[in-house]
């Protein structure tokens, strides 16, 4: 027994060291990517829109007033100095100031992020819960009438623009058959938003259906590959019931690639929120960005775009870590 214990410790210690090294390396890479993306976004926005002075002071503002405003707010300095100043403020939790609504960007985000997170989160959870069994069903019943019908619906939904799907749902379920509201909940309380299913069903259904279309197709493909593996054939040859073959052997192995897809889909939900919240007039970050785009609100646009970049990198990082934990066969070295 002591010998076995020592062998186990010798085997586990390198694994823990490898895991720590892997986490540190991935975290460092993620930070470098975020810095690179932030530089690119800041430079691109600076080239397109170097200063918001004219929009804030009005079209009749004199050049002297514009120059004075730029000097006062630091927009007369080189873009690199502006970037370093912005990043220094960002590290200290200062996302800038919205001159259009006369409020800090952090306060605007603080008022709305929870509602957007709820809309994205509940849509993602529902999409996974629907897509996983649907994809397995399609793989098991491939090339049947049921598989053909689901595949056709999935392709149709996947190719449909977000706003068009939202308008169809509004027309059918809010106007033709007034079951749900055509407008999302206007409450500022997250608890009330969660409880208002009459108003939130259509926005959630819009994002959920779009995600289900992509997830189910991917799940079908991975499930079909898994069904062709030798261990599935061996389990069936041993007489294991089909239900146990699907739940014990197929489900876990087929879901592993879905971990990466789910992690990478997080930023796409943010972009989906932009259109969905605009169509349903939902008071979240997407609608804030849409209004800021129309008002040319410089700092809000910059903060929202950076948030999307950070979510992309974070989603990829979390997906890699989750996949490493879920599948011990993945080498960390």
C-alpha atoms as a PDB file:
ATOM      1  CA  UNK A   1       0.000   0.000   0.000  1.00  0.00           C
ATOM      2  CA  UNK A   2       2.726   2.601   0.787  1.00  0.00           C
ATOM      3  CA  UNK A   3       4.375   1.826  -2.540  1.00  0.00           C
ATOM      4  CA  UNK A   4       1.128   2.427  -4.410  1.00  0.00           C
ATOM      5  CA  UNK A   5       0.594   5.680  -2.524  1.00  0.00           C
ATOM      6  CA  UNK A   6       4.055   6.924  -3.471  1.00  0.00           C
ATOM      7  CA  UNK A   7       3.502   5.949  -7.109  1.00  0.00           C
ATOM      8  CA  UNK A   8       0.180   7.838  -7.118  1.00  0.00           C
ATOM      9  CA  UNK A   9       1.822  10.948  -5.657  1.00  0.00           C
ATOM     10  CA  UNK A  10       4.623  10.796  -8.205  1.00  0.00           C
ATOM     11  CA  UNK A  11       2.084  10.559 -11.037  1.00  0.00           C
ATOM     12  CA  UNK A  12      -0.257  13.236  -9.730  1.00  0.00           C
ATOM     13  CA  UNK A  13       2.411  15.842  -8.924  1.00  0.00           C
ATOM     14  CA  UNK A  14       3.556  16.279 -12.542  1.00  0.00           C
ATOM     15  CA  UNK A  15      -0.068  16.498 -13.656  1.00  0.00           C
ATOM     16  CA  UNK A  16      -0.744  19.312 -11.202  1.00  0.00           C
ATOM     17  CA  UNK A  17       2.429  21.127 -12.300  1.00  0.00           C
ATOM     18  CA  UNK A  18       1.478  20.717 -15.944  1.00  0.00           C
ATOM     19  CA  UNK A  19      -2.007  22.048 -15.249  1.00  0.00           C
ATOM     20  CA  UNK A  20      -0.641  25.114 -13.456  1.00  0.00           C
ATOM     21  CA  UNK A  21       1.835  25.775 -16.259  1.00  0.00           C
ATOM     22  CA  UNK A  22      -0.909  25.386 -18.836  1.00  0.00           C
ATOM     23  CA  UNK A  23      -3.220  27.798 -16.994  1.00  0.00           C
ATOM     24  CA  UNK A  24      -0.474  30.407 -16.629  1.00  0.00           C
ATOM     25  CA  UNK A  25       0.504  30.109 -20.291  1.00  0.00           C
ATOM     26  CA  UNK A  26      -3.107  30.362 -21.492  1.00  0.00           C
ATOM     27  CA  UNK A  27      -3.811  33.296 -19.183  1.00  0.00           C
ATOM     28  CA  UNK A  28      -0.722  35.160 -20.388  1.00  0.00           C
ATOM     29  CA  UNK A  29      -1.693  34.523 -24.004  1.00  0.00           C
ATOM     30  CA  UNK A  30      -5.225  35.756 -23.343  1.00  0.00           C
ATOM     31  CA  UNK A  31      -3.944  38.970 -21.750  1.00  0.00           C
ATOM     32  CA  UNK A  32      -1.659  39.640 -24.720  1.00  0.00           C
ATOM     33  CA  UNK A  33      -4.529  39.041 -27.142  1.00  0.00           C
ATOM     34  CA  UNK A  34      -6.792  41.431 -25.217  1.00  0.00           C
ATOM     35  CA  UNK A  35      -4.084  44.115 -25.254  1.00  0.00           C
ATOM     36  CA  UNK A  36      -3.562  43.656 -28.992  1.00  0.00           C
ATOM     37  CA  UNK A  37      -7.283  43.807 -29.698  1.00  0.00           C
ATOM     38  CA  UNK A  38      -7.687  46.894 -27.511  1.00  0.00           C
ATOM     39  CA  UNK A  39      -4.917  48.680 -29.438  1.00  0.00           C
ATOM     40  CA  UNK A  40      -6.521  47.778 -32.763  1.00  0.00           C
ATOM     41  CA  UNK A  41     -10.014  48.861 -31.645  1.00  0.00           C
ATOM     42  CA  UNK A  42      -8.783  52.124 -30.144  1.00  0.00           C
ATOM     43  CA  UNK A  43      -6.725  52.986 -33.238  1.00  0.00           C
ATOM     44  CA  UNK A  44      -9.552  52.079 -35.626  1.00  0.00           C
ATOM     45  CA  UNK A  45     -12.097  54.128 -33.706  1.00  0.00           C
ATOM     46  CA  UNK A  46      -9.639  57.008 -33.459  1.00  0.00           C
ATOM     47  CA  UNK A  47      -9.083  56.984 -37.231  1.00  0.00           C
ATOM     48  CA  UNK A  48     -12.816  56.854 -37.974  1.00  0.00           C
ATOM     49  CA  UNK A  49     -13.864  59.256 -35.267  1.00  0.00           C
ATOM     50  CA  UNK A  50     -10.904  61.217 -33.794  1.00  0.00           C
ATOM     51  CA  UNK A  51     -12.963  63.506 -31.563  1.00  0.00           C
ATOM     52  CA  UNK A  52     -16.609  63.817 -30.390  1.00  0.00           C
ATOM     53  CA  UNK A  53     -16.288  67.582 -29.876  1.00  0.00           C
ATOM     54  CA  UNK A  54     -18.318  68.619 -32.927  1.00  0.00           C
ATOM     55  CA  UNK A  55     -21.255  66.385 -32.001  1.00  0.00           C
ATOM     56  CA  UNK A  56     -21.233  67.466 -28.367  1.00  0.00           C
ATOM     57  CA  UNK A  57     -20.856  71.205 -28.960  1.00  0.00           C
ATOM     58  CA  UNK A  58     -23.184  71.221 -31.957  1.00  0.00           C
ATOM     59  CA  UNK A  59     -22.735  71.846 -35.700  1.00  0.00           C
ATOM     60  CA  UNK A  60     -22.466  75.611 -35.171  1.00  0.00           C
ATOM     61  CA  UNK A  61     -19.513  75.363 -32.786  1.00  0.00           C
ATOM     62  CA  UNK A  62     -16.470  77.368 -33.846  1.00  0.00           C
ATOM     63  CA  UNK A  63     -13.097  75.823 -34.503  1.00  0.00           C
ATOM     64  CA  UNK A  64     -11.736  77.606 -31.445  1.00  0.00           C
ATOM     65  CA  UNK A  65     -14.426  75.998 -29.257  1.00  0.00           C
ATOM     66  CA  UNK A  66     -13.712  72.567 -30.720  1.00  0.00           C
ATOM     67  CA  UNK A  67      -9.964  72.970 -30.158  1.00  0.00           C
ATOM     68  CA  UNK A  68     -10.546  74.169 -26.605  1.00  0.00           C
ATOM     69  CA  UNK A  69     -12.819  71.189 -25.853  1.00  0.00           C
ATOM     70  CA  UNK A  70     -10.311  68.731 -27.321  1.00  0.00           C
ATOM     71  CA  UNK A  71      -7.536  70.294 -25.236  1.00  0.00           C
ATOM     72  CA  UNK A  72      -9.639  70.163 -22.084  1.00  0.00           C
ATOM     73  CA  UNK A  73     -10.540  66.456 -22.533  1.00  0.00           C
ATOM     74  CA  UNK A  74      -7.218  65.221 -23.943  1.00  0.00           C
ATOM     75  CA  UNK A  75      -8.283  64.629 -27.543  1.00  0.00           C
ATOM     76  CA  UNK A  76      -5.516  66.895 -28.856  1.00  0.00           C
ATOM     77  CA  UNK A  77      -2.787  64.490 -27.727  1.00  0.00           C
ATOM     78  CA  UNK A  78      -1.309  61.689 -29.915  1.00  0.00           C
ATOM     79  CA  UNK A  79      -3.518  58.605 -30.126  1.00  0.00           C
ATOM     80  CA  UNK A  80      -0.932  56.448 -28.338  1.00  0.00           C
ATOM     81  CA  UNK A  81      -0.946  58.788 -25.348  1.00  0.00           C
ATOM     82  CA  UNK A  82      -4.743  58.761 -25.407  1.00  0.00           C
ATOM     83  CA  UNK A  83      -4.705  54.956 -25.503  1.00  0.00           C
ATOM     84  CA  UNK A  84      -2.314  54.640 -22.555  1.00  0.00           C
ATOM     85  CA  UNK A  85      -4.401  57.122 -20.574  1.00  0.00           C
ATOM     86  CA  UNK A  86      -7.587  55.223 -21.381  1.00  0.00           C
ATOM     87  CA  UNK A  87      -6.054  51.881 -20.399  1.00  0.00           C
ATOM     88  CA  UNK A  88      -4.784  53.364 -17.140  1.00  0.00           C
ATOM     89  CA  UNK A  89      -8.308  54.572 -16.363  1.00  0.00           C
ATOM     90  CA  UNK A  90      -9.716  51.205 -17.463  1.00  0.00           C
ATOM     91  CA  UNK A  91      -7.493  49.305 -15.044  1.00  0.00           C
ATOM     92  CA  UNK A  92      -8.834  51.485 -12.244  1.00  0.00           C
ATOM     93  CA  UNK A  93     -12.445  50.801 -13.252  1.00  0.00           C
ATOM     94  CA  UNK A  94     -13.019  54.029 -15.169  1.00  0.00           C
ATOM     95  CA  UNK A  95     -14.643  53.255 -18.543  1.00  0.00           C
ATOM     96  CA  UNK A  96     -14.894  56.883 -19.562  1.00  0.00           C
ATOM     97  CA  UNK A  97     -17.727  59.375 -19.628  1.00  0.00           C
ATOM     98  CA  UNK A  98     -20.777  59.589 -21.866  1.00  0.00           C
ATOM     99  CA  UNK A  99     -21.083  63.221 -22.835  1.00  0.00           C
ATOM    100  CA  UNK A 100     -24.388  62.546 -24.604  1.00  0.00           C
ATOM    101  CA  UNK A 101     -26.285  61.391 -21.509  1.00  0.00           C
ATOM    102  CA  UNK A 102     -24.022  63.156 -18.998  1.00  0.00           C
ATOM    103  CA  UNK A 103     -23.237  59.958 -17.092  1.00  0.00           C
ATOM    104  CA  UNK A 104     -20.249  57.684 -16.616  1.00  0.00           C
ATOM    105  CA  UNK A 105     -20.020  54.642 -18.874  1.00  0.00           C
ATOM    106  CA  UNK A 106     -19.480  52.403 -15.839  1.00  0.00           C
ATOM    107  CA  UNK A 107     -22.789  53.599 -14.375  1.00  0.00           C
ATOM    108  CA  UNK A 108     -24.580  52.980 -17.680  1.00  0.00           C
ATOM    109  CA  UNK A 109     -23.139  49.473 -17.894  1.00  0.00           C
ATOM    110  CA  UNK A 110     -23.916  48.821 -14.230  1.00  0.00           C
ATOM    111  CA  UNK A 111     -27.584  49.615 -14.808  1.00  0.00           C
ATOM    112  CA  UNK A 112     -27.959  47.281 -17.787  1.00  0.00           C
ATOM    113  CA  UNK A 113     -25.426  44.440 -17.768  1.00  0.00           C
ATOM    114  CA  UNK A 114     -27.474  42.141 -15.512  1.00  0.00           C
ATOM    115  CA  UNK A 115     -30.494  42.280 -17.846  1.00  0.00           C
ATOM    116  CA  UNK A 116     -28.347  41.525 -20.900  1.00  0.00           C
ATOM    117  CA  UNK A 117     -26.573  38.716 -19.032  1.00  0.00           C
ATOM    118  CA  UNK A 118     -29.950  37.215 -18.136  1.00  0.00           C
ATOM    119  CA  UNK A 119     -31.161  37.360 -21.736  1.00  0.00           C
ATOM    120  CA  UNK A 120     -27.948  35.771 -23.049  1.00  0.00           C
ATOM    121  CA  UNK A 121     -27.622  33.256 -20.228  1.00  0.00           C
ATOM    122  CA  UNK A 122     -31.155  31.868 -20.288  1.00  0.00           C
ATOM    123  CA  UNK A 123     -31.059  31.673 -24.097  1.00  0.00           C
ATOM    124  CA  UNK A 124     -27.755  29.786 -24.027  1.00  0.00           C
ATOM    125  CA  UNK A 125     -28.951  27.312 -21.371  1.00  0.00           C
ATOM    126  CA  UNK A 126     -32.205  26.615 -23.224  1.00  0.00           C
ATOM    127  CA  UNK A 127     -30.351  26.247 -26.517  1.00  0.00           C
ATOM    128  CA  UNK A 128     -27.977  23.643 -25.073  1.00  0.00           C
ATOM    129  CA  UNK A 129     -30.789  21.725 -23.347  1.00  0.00           C
ATOM    130  CA  UNK A 130     -32.693  21.549 -26.638  1.00  0.00           C
ATOM    131  CA  UNK A 131     -29.816  21.102 -29.085  1.00  0.00           C
ATOM    132  CA  UNK A 132     -27.989  18.225 -27.347  1.00  0.00           C
ATOM    133  CA  UNK A 133     -30.873  15.701 -27.335  1.00  0.00           C
ATOM    134  CA  UNK A 134     -32.033  16.994 -30.716  1.00  0.00           C
ATOM    135  CA  UNK A 135     -28.602  16.426 -32.254  1.00  0.00           C
ATOM    136  CA  UNK A 136     -28.373  12.943 -30.761  1.00  0.00           C
ATOM    137  CA  UNK A 137     -31.843  12.133 -32.084  1.00  0.00           C
ATOM    138  CA  UNK A 138     -30.808  13.254 -35.563  1.00  0.00           C
ATOM    139  CA  UNK A 139     -27.632  11.162 -35.414  1.00  0.00           C
ATOM    140  CA  UNK A 140     -29.456   8.031 -34.256  1.00  0.00           C
ATOM    141  CA  UNK A 141     -32.296   8.566 -36.761  1.00  0.00           C
ATOM    142  CA  UNK A 142     -30.116   9.935 -39.549  1.00  0.00           C
ATOM    143  CA  UNK A 143     -31.523  10.021 -43.075  1.00  0.00           C
ATOM    144  CA  UNK A 144     -35.036   9.397 -41.789  1.00  0.00           C
ATOM    145  CA  UNK A 145     -38.048  11.676 -42.276  1.00  0.00           C
ATOM    146  CA  UNK A 146     -37.601  13.142 -38.789  1.00  0.00           C
ATOM    147  CA  UNK A 147     -33.934  13.925 -39.410  1.00  0.00           C
ATOM    148  CA  UNK A 148     -34.763  15.558 -42.743  1.00  0.00           C
ATOM    149  CA  UNK A 149     -37.472  17.756 -41.227  1.00  0.00           C
ATOM    150  CA  UNK A 150     -35.288  18.881 -38.311  1.00  0.00           C
ATOM    151  CA  UNK A 151     -32.342  19.509 -40.635  1.00  0.00           C
ATOM    152  CA  UNK A 152     -34.474  21.637 -42.969  1.00  0.00           C
ATOM    153  CA  UNK A 153     -35.813  23.694 -40.069  1.00  0.00           C
ATOM    154  CA  UNK A 154     -32.314  24.093 -38.635  1.00  0.00           C
ATOM    155  CA  UNK A 155     -30.862  25.311 -41.941  1.00  0.00           C
ATOM    156  CA  UNK A 156     -33.771  27.723 -42.430  1.00  0.00           C
ATOM    157  CA  UNK A 157     -33.419  29.190 -38.952  1.00  0.00           C
ATOM    158  CA  UNK A 158     -29.616  29.323 -39.090  1.00  0.00           C
ATOM    159  CA  UNK A 159     -29.667  31.245 -42.390  1.00  0.00           C
ATOM    160  CA  UNK A 160     -32.283  33.690 -41.154  1.00  0.00           C
ATOM    161  CA  UNK A 161     -31.133  37.151 -39.958  1.00  0.00           C
ATOM    162  CA  UNK A 162     -31.804  37.845 -36.282  1.00  0.00           C
ATOM    163  CA  UNK A 163     -34.090  40.802 -36.907  1.00  0.00           C
ATOM    164  CA  UNK A 164     -36.130  38.879 -39.502  1.00  0.00           C
ATOM    165  CA  UNK A 165     -36.721  35.958 -37.148  1.00  0.00           C
ATOM    166  CA  UNK A 166     -37.694  38.390 -34.392  1.00  0.00           C
ATOM    167  CA  UNK A 167     -40.180  40.158 -36.677  1.00  0.00           C
ATOM    168  CA  UNK A 168     -41.730  36.820 -37.715  1.00  0.00           C
ATOM    169  CA  UNK A 169     -42.190  35.815 -34.072  1.00  0.00           C
ATOM    170  CA  UNK A 170     -43.741  39.207 -33.290  1.00  0.00           C
ATOM    171  CA  UNK A 171     -46.106  38.974 -36.248  1.00  0.00           C
ATOM    172  CA  UNK A 172     -47.241  35.429 -35.428  1.00  0.00           C
ATOM    173  CA  UNK A 173     -47.257  35.305 -31.636  1.00  0.00           C
ATOM    174  CA  UNK A 174     -47.894  38.944 -30.705  1.00  0.00           C
ATOM    175  CA  UNK A 175     -50.046  40.397 -33.488  1.00  0.00           C
ATOM    176  CA  UNK A 176     -51.824  37.588 -35.352  1.00  0.00           C
ATOM    177  CA  UNK A 177     -52.214  35.481 -32.207  1.00  0.00           C
ATOM    178  CA  UNK A 178     -51.773  37.879 -29.260  1.00  0.00           C
ATOM    179  CA  UNK A 179     -50.220  35.346 -26.896  1.00  0.00           C
ATOM    180  CA  UNK A 180     -47.087  37.279 -25.943  1.00  0.00           C
ATOM    181  CA  UNK A 181     -46.068  40.931 -25.916  1.00  0.00           C
ATOM    182  CA  UNK A 182     -44.355  42.468 -28.948  1.00  0.00           C
ATOM    183  CA  UNK A 183     -42.134  44.485 -26.577  1.00  0.00           C
ATOM    184  CA  UNK A 184     -39.734  43.144 -23.956  1.00  0.00           C
ATOM    185  CA  UNK A 185     -40.158  43.965 -20.284  1.00  0.00           C
ATOM    186  CA  UNK A 186     -39.498  47.627 -19.580  1.00  0.00           C
ATOM    187  CA  UNK A 187     -38.882  47.090 -15.881  1.00  0.00           C
ATOM    188  CA  UNK A 188     -35.482  48.112 -14.518  1.00  0.00           C
ATOM    189  CA  UNK A 189     -35.655  45.397 -11.857  1.00  0.00           C
ATOM    190  CA  UNK A 190     -34.013  42.124 -12.838  1.00  0.00           C
ATOM    191  CA  UNK A 191     -36.402  40.146 -10.629  1.00  0.00           C
ATOM    192  CA  UNK A 192     -39.405  41.599 -12.423  1.00  0.00           C
ATOM    193  CA  UNK A 193     -37.785  41.000 -15.809  1.00  0.00           C
ATOM    194  CA  UNK A 194     -37.212  37.328 -14.931  1.00  0.00           C
ATOM    195  CA  UNK A 195     -40.808  36.943 -13.790  1.00  0.00           C
ATOM    196  CA  UNK A 196     -42.334  38.697 -16.804  1.00  0.00           C
ATOM    197  CA  UNK A 197     -42.577  35.717 -19.178  1.00  0.00           C
ATOM    198  CA  UNK A 198     -45.358  37.375 -21.155  1.00  0.00           C
ATOM    199  CA  UNK A 199     -42.920  40.047 -22.343  1.00  0.00           C
ATOM    200  CA  UNK A 200     -39.643  38.091 -22.326  1.00  0.00           C
ATOM    201  CA  UNK A 201     -40.676  34.907 -24.160  1.00  0.00           C
ATOM    202  CA  UNK A 202     -40.211  36.239 -27.688  1.00  0.00           C
ATOM    203  CA  UNK A 203     -36.774  37.861 -27.119  1.00  0.00           C
ATOM    204  CA  UNK A 204     -35.537  34.691 -25.428  1.00  0.00           C
ATOM    205  CA  UNK A 205     -37.065  32.506 -28.156  1.00  0.00           C
ATOM    206  CA  UNK A 206     -35.315  34.559 -30.852  1.00  0.00           C
ATOM    207  CA  UNK A 207     -31.827  34.034 -29.435  1.00  0.00           C
ATOM    208  CA  UNK A 208     -32.576  30.443 -28.422  1.00  0.00           C
ATOM    209  CA  UNK A 209     -33.781  29.356 -31.864  1.00  0.00           C
ATOM    210  CA  UNK A 210     -30.729  30.827 -33.575  1.00  0.00           C
ATOM    211  CA  UNK A 211     -28.380  29.040 -31.186  1.00  0.00           C
ATOM    212  CA  UNK A 212     -30.285  25.737 -31.379  1.00  0.00           C
ATOM    213  CA  UNK A 213     -29.950  25.723 -35.154  1.00  0.00           C
ATOM    214  CA  UNK A 214     -26.151  25.862 -35.015  1.00  0.00           C
ATOM    215  CA  UNK A 215     -25.701  23.694 -31.916  1.00  0.00           C
ATOM    216  CA  UNK A 216     -27.941  20.881 -33.139  1.00  0.00           C
ATOM    217  CA  UNK A 217     -26.135  20.614 -36.467  1.00  0.00           C
ATOM    218  CA  UNK A 218     -22.780  20.461 -34.706  1.00  0.00           C
ATOM    219  CA  UNK A 219     -24.090  17.971 -32.156  1.00  0.00           C
ATOM    220  CA  UNK A 220     -25.479  15.763 -34.923  1.00  0.00           C
ATOM    221  CA  UNK A 221     -22.099  15.670 -36.645  1.00  0.00           C
ATOM    222  CA  UNK A 222     -20.121  14.834 -33.489  1.00  0.00           C
ATOM    223  CA  UNK A 223     -22.704  12.242 -32.396  1.00  0.00           C
ATOM    224  CA  UNK A 224     -22.484  10.504 -35.772  1.00  0.00           C
ATOM    225  CA  UNK A 225     -18.688  10.361 -35.473  1.00  0.00           C
ATOM    226  CA  UNK A 226     -18.979   8.954 -31.954  1.00  0.00           C
ATOM    227  CA  UNK A 227     -21.500   6.307 -33.030  1.00  0.00           C
ATOM    228  CA  UNK A 228     -18.938   5.004 -35.514  1.00  0.00           C
ATOM    229  CA  UNK A 229     -16.333   4.379 -32.782  1.00  0.00           C
ATOM    230  CA  UNK A 230     -15.378   0.837 -31.794  1.00  0.00           C
ATOM    231  CA  UNK A 231     -16.384   1.196 -28.132  1.00  0.00           C
ATOM    232  CA  UNK A 232     -19.972   1.970 -29.190  1.00  0.00           C
ATOM    233  CA  UNK A 233     -20.029  -1.132 -31.377  1.00  0.00           C
ATOM    234  CA  UNK A 234     -18.534  -3.185 -28.528  1.00  0.00           C
ATOM    235  CA  UNK A 235     -21.145  -1.934 -26.065  1.00  0.00           C
ATOM    236  CA  UNK A 236     -23.953  -2.878 -28.438  1.00  0.00           C
ATOM    237  CA  UNK A 237     -22.355  -6.244 -29.153  1.00  0.00           C
ATOM    238  CA  UNK A 238     -22.334  -7.007 -25.417  1.00  0.00           C
ATOM    239  CA  UNK A 239     -26.089  -6.538 -25.380  1.00  0.00           C
ATOM    240  CA  UNK A 240     -26.146  -3.243 -23.463  1.00  0.00           C
ATOM    241  CA  UNK A 241     -29.555  -1.569 -23.825  1.00  0.00           C
ATOM    242  CA  UNK A 242     -29.647   1.235 -26.399  1.00  0.00           C
ATOM    243  CA  UNK A 243     -30.659   3.758 -23.736  1.00  0.00           C
ATOM    244  CA  UNK A 244     -27.500   3.037 -21.735  1.00  0.00           C
ATOM    245  CA  UNK A 245     -25.353   3.103 -24.869  1.00  0.00           C
ATOM    246  CA  UNK A 246     -26.631   6.582 -25.661  1.00  0.00           C
ATOM    247  CA  UNK A 247     -26.442   7.984 -22.124  1.00  0.00           C
ATOM    248  CA  UNK A 248     -23.243   6.362 -20.826  1.00  0.00           C
ATOM    249  CA  UNK A 249     -21.077   6.147 -23.935  1.00  0.00           C
ATOM    250  CA  UNK A 250     -22.425   8.491 -26.584  1.00  0.00           C
ATOM    251  CA  UNK A 251     -23.606  11.539 -24.639  1.00  0.00           C
ATOM    252  CA  UNK A 252     -20.443  12.394 -22.728  1.00  0.00           C
ATOM    253  CA  UNK A 253     -18.010  11.816 -25.582  1.00  0.00           C
ATOM    254  CA  UNK A 254     -20.170  13.579 -28.161  1.00  0.00           C
ATOM    255  CA  UNK A 255     -20.642  16.602 -25.876  1.00  0.00           C
ATOM    256  CA  UNK A 256     -16.910  17.276 -25.455  1.00  0.00           C
ATOM    257  CA  UNK A 257     -16.534  19.294 -28.694  1.00  0.00           C
ATOM    258  CA  UNK A 258     -19.672  21.220 -27.712  1.00  0.00           C
ATOM    259  CA  UNK A 259     -17.760  22.712 -24.780  1.00  0.00           C
ATOM    260  CA  UNK A 260     -15.543  24.673 -27.165  1.00  0.00           C
ATOM    261  CA  UNK A 261     -18.503  25.724 -29.303  1.00  0.00           C
ATOM    262  CA  UNK A 262     -20.437  26.995 -26.283  1.00  0.00           C
ATOM    263  CA  UNK A 263     -17.442  28.991 -25.066  1.00  0.00           C
ATOM    264  CA  UNK A 264     -16.960  30.605 -28.470  1.00  0.00           C
ATOM    265  CA  UNK A 265     -20.684  31.358 -28.795  1.00  0.00           C
ATOM    266  CA  UNK A 266     -20.709  33.748 -25.808  1.00  0.00           C
ATOM    267  CA  UNK A 267     -19.532  36.815 -27.790  1.00  0.00           C
ATOM    268  CA  UNK A 268     -21.990  35.975 -30.582  1.00  0.00           C
ATOM    269  CA  UNK A 269     -24.792  36.191 -28.032  1.00  0.00           C
ATOM    270  CA  UNK A 270     -23.577  39.705 -27.256  1.00  0.00           C
ATOM    271  CA  UNK A 271     -23.952  40.671 -30.920  1.00  0.00           C
ATOM    272  CA  UNK A 272     -27.308  38.884 -31.019  1.00  0.00           C
ATOM    273  CA  UNK A 273     -28.383  40.931 -28.028  1.00  0.00           C
ATOM    274  CA  UNK A 274     -27.613  44.088 -29.989  1.00  0.00           C
ATOM    275  CA  UNK A 275     -30.232  43.314 -32.636  1.00  0.00           C
ATOM    276  CA  UNK A 276     -32.717  41.500 -30.403  1.00  0.00           C
ATOM    277  CA  UNK A 277     -32.741  44.230 -27.770  1.00  0.00           C
ATOM    278  CA  UNK A 278     -33.186  46.861 -30.476  1.00  0.00           C
ATOM    279  CA  UNK A 279     -36.156  45.055 -32.038  1.00  0.00           C
ATOM    280  CA  UNK A 280     -37.876  44.331 -28.720  1.00  0.00           C
ATOM    281  CA  UNK A 281     -36.806  47.620 -27.069  1.00  0.00           C
ATOM    282  CA  UNK A 282     -35.151  45.783 -24.176  1.00  0.00           C
ATOM    283  CA  UNK A 283     -33.170  48.030 -21.841  1.00  0.00           C
ATOM    284  CA  UNK A 284     -29.854  46.178 -21.985  1.00  0.00           C
ATOM    285  CA  UNK A 285     -26.317  46.736 -23.223  1.00  0.00           C
ATOM    286  CA  UNK A 286     -27.271  45.943 -26.822  1.00  0.00           C
ATOM    287  CA  UNK A 287     -29.857  48.722 -26.959  1.00  0.00           C
ATOM    288  CA  UNK A 288     -27.390  51.047 -25.224  1.00  0.00           C
ATOM    289  CA  UNK A 289     -24.819  50.359 -27.943  1.00  0.00           C
ATOM    290  CA  UNK A 290     -27.416  50.842 -30.682  1.00  0.00           C
ATOM    291  CA  UNK A 291     -28.469  54.217 -29.283  1.00  0.00           C
ATOM    292  CA  UNK A 292     -24.832  55.213 -28.741  1.00  0.00           C
ATOM    293  CA  UNK A 293     -24.060  54.320 -32.347  1.00  0.00           C
ATOM    294  CA  UNK A 294     -26.800  56.660 -33.533  1.00  0.00           C
ATOM    295  CA  UNK A 295     -25.651  59.385 -31.139  1.00  0.00           C
ATOM    296  CA  UNK A 296     -21.938  58.837 -31.865  1.00  0.00           C
ATOM    297  CA  UNK A 297     -21.230  58.309 -28.166  1.00  0.00           C
ATOM    298  CA  UNK A 298     -17.490  57.666 -28.370  1.00  0.00           C
ATOM    299  CA  UNK A 299     -16.711  56.160 -24.969  1.00  0.00           C
ATOM    300  CA  UNK A 300     -19.769  53.882 -24.879  1.00  0.00           C
ATOM    301  CA  UNK A 301     -18.897  52.476 -28.314  1.00  0.00           C
ATOM    302  CA  UNK A 302     -15.312  51.865 -27.226  1.00  0.00           C
ATOM    303  CA  UNK A 303     -16.285  50.192 -23.941  1.00  0.00           C
ATOM    304  CA  UNK A 304     -18.903  47.927 -25.567  1.00  0.00           C
ATOM    305  CA  UNK A 305     -16.530  46.836 -28.325  1.00  0.00           C
ATOM    306  CA  UNK A 306     -13.803  46.091 -25.797  1.00  0.00           C
ATOM    307  CA  UNK A 307     -16.307  44.113 -23.726  1.00  0.00           C
ATOM    308  CA  UNK A 308     -17.050  41.984 -26.793  1.00  0.00           C
ATOM    309  CA  UNK A 309     -13.344  41.378 -27.358  1.00  0.00           C
ATOM    310  CA  UNK A 310     -12.781  40.418 -23.715  1.00  0.00           C
ATOM    311  CA  UNK A 311     -15.767  38.058 -23.806  1.00  0.00           C
ATOM    312  CA  UNK A 312     -14.366  36.398 -26.936  1.00  0.00           C
ATOM    313  CA  UNK A 313     -10.982  35.783 -25.328  1.00  0.00           C
ATOM    314  CA  UNK A 314     -12.525  34.795 -21.980  1.00  0.00           C
ATOM    315  CA  UNK A 315     -14.954  32.390 -23.651  1.00  0.00           C
ATOM    316  CA  UNK A 316     -12.118  30.729 -25.530  1.00  0.00           C
ATOM    317  CA  UNK A 317     -10.021  30.506 -22.367  1.00  0.00           C
ATOM    318  CA  UNK A 318     -12.817  29.011 -20.277  1.00  0.00           C
ATOM    319  CA  UNK A 319     -13.680  26.551 -23.059  1.00  0.00           C
ATOM    320  CA  UNK A 320     -10.065  25.332 -23.238  1.00  0.00           C
ATOM    321  CA  UNK A 321      -9.871  24.864 -19.476  1.00  0.00           C
ATOM    322  CA  UNK A 322     -13.264  23.147 -19.300  1.00  0.00           C
ATOM    323  CA  UNK A 323     -12.346  20.818 -22.162  1.00  0.00           C
ATOM    324  CA  UNK A 324      -9.052  19.931 -20.461  1.00  0.00           C
ATOM    325  CA  UNK A 325     -10.870  19.077 -17.226  1.00  0.00           C
ATOM    326  CA  UNK A 326     -13.663  17.175 -18.970  1.00  0.00           C
ATOM    327  CA  UNK A 327     -11.348  15.094 -21.143  1.00  0.00           C
ATOM    328  CA  UNK A 328      -8.249  13.783 -19.291  1.00  0.00           C
ATOM    329  CA  UNK A 329      -6.904  12.411 -22.568  1.00  0.00           C
ATOM    330  CA  UNK A 330      -5.919  15.913 -23.685  1.00  0.00           C
ATOM    331  CA  UNK A 331      -2.200  16.442 -23.173  1.00  0.00           C
ATOM    332  CA  UNK A 332      -1.205  19.645 -21.414  1.00  0.00           C
ATOM    333  CA  UNK A 333       2.437  19.559 -22.431  1.00  0.00           C
END
